[in-house]
Protein backbone atom coordinates (compact mmCIF):
# COMPACT_ATOMS: atom_id res chain seq x y z
CA MET A 1 23.81 -6.88 49.90
CA ILE A 2 20.74 -5.49 51.65
CA LYS A 3 18.71 -7.87 53.82
CA LYS A 4 15.39 -7.40 55.49
CA LEU A 5 14.59 -9.11 58.91
CA ILE A 6 11.57 -11.38 58.90
CA GLN A 7 9.22 -12.33 61.76
CA HIS A 8 9.97 -15.70 63.25
CA GLY A 9 7.46 -16.18 66.11
CA ASN A 10 7.97 -13.27 68.49
CA SER A 11 11.50 -12.70 67.40
CA ALA A 12 13.20 -11.40 64.14
CA ALA A 13 15.26 -13.30 61.94
CA LEU A 14 18.03 -12.58 59.36
CA ILE A 15 18.28 -15.17 56.57
CA LEU A 16 21.78 -15.98 55.42
CA ASP A 17 21.67 -17.11 51.71
CA LYS A 18 23.66 -20.37 50.88
CA PRO A 19 26.67 -18.33 49.01
CA ILE A 20 27.39 -16.45 52.19
CA LEU A 21 27.36 -19.65 54.18
CA ASP A 22 29.55 -21.28 51.59
CA LEU A 23 32.07 -18.32 51.70
CA LEU A 24 32.42 -18.32 55.43
CA ASN A 25 32.40 -22.05 55.53
CA LEU A 26 29.14 -22.19 57.87
CA ASN A 27 26.72 -24.76 57.97
CA LEU A 28 23.35 -24.96 60.18
CA ASP A 29 25.37 -26.42 63.21
CA SER A 30 27.83 -23.44 63.24
CA THR A 31 28.08 -21.21 66.29
CA LEU A 32 28.18 -17.48 65.67
CA GLU A 33 29.31 -14.65 67.75
CA ILE A 34 27.06 -11.55 67.73
CA THR A 35 28.73 -8.27 68.99
CA THR A 36 27.84 -4.66 68.27
CA ASP A 37 30.04 -1.49 68.38
CA GLY A 38 27.01 0.57 69.38
CA LYS A 39 25.73 1.35 65.94
CA ASN A 40 26.70 -1.97 63.86
CA LEU A 41 25.77 -5.51 64.33
CA ILE A 42 28.73 -7.74 63.80
CA ILE A 43 28.12 -11.58 63.08
CA SER A 44 31.45 -13.76 63.28
CA PRO A 45 31.93 -17.53 63.46
CA GLN A 46 32.74 -18.34 66.87
CA SER A 47 36.55 -19.35 66.86
CA ASP A 48 37.73 -22.72 68.50
CA ASP A 49 39.65 -20.70 71.16
CA LYS A 50 36.40 -18.84 72.09
CA LYS A 51 34.65 -22.07 72.48
CA GLU A 52 37.37 -23.47 74.60
CA GLN A 53 37.26 -20.32 76.92
CA ASP A 54 33.31 -20.61 77.09
CA ILE A 55 33.70 -24.15 78.35
CA ILE A 56 36.46 -23.34 80.93
CA ALA A 57 34.57 -20.48 82.28
CA SER A 58 31.40 -22.75 82.65
CA LEU A 59 33.33 -25.39 84.19
CA GLU A 60 34.89 -22.93 86.80
CA LYS A 61 31.27 -21.69 87.45
CA ILE A 62 30.07 -25.07 88.16
CA ASN A 63 33.06 -26.12 90.29
CA ALA A 64 32.71 -22.77 92.41
CA LYS A 65 28.99 -23.38 93.03
CA TYR A 66 28.84 -27.12 93.37
CA ALA A 67 32.54 -27.92 94.49
CA ARG A 68 31.15 -29.68 97.85
CA THR A 69 28.59 -31.70 96.08
CA LEU A 70 30.82 -32.88 93.47
CA LYS A 71 33.51 -33.88 96.12
CA ARG A 72 30.86 -35.80 97.86
CA LEU A 73 29.74 -37.57 94.57
CA GLY A 74 33.22 -38.50 93.80
CA GLU A 75 33.67 -40.36 97.20
C-alpha cells in the first residue's frame, strides 16, 4: 500500500484506513510507538509492558524531583 502524507496545520499526517486499524485492533484511543532504524519509519501499537514502564519511569522522575514536597504534603 502506498500512502501520501497530508498537511495538518503546520505538521504532516498519515491517514490509516479502517481496514488497517481493524487488522491491528487499533482505535482512535490507541497509543502508537514510532521508531526508526535510520531509513524506515516503524509504527507499532504500544504494548502494555511499555505503558507500565513509562508510568513507572514518570513516577520515579516525579519522586526524585519532588520527594521533599510530597513528603510534606503527606504529613
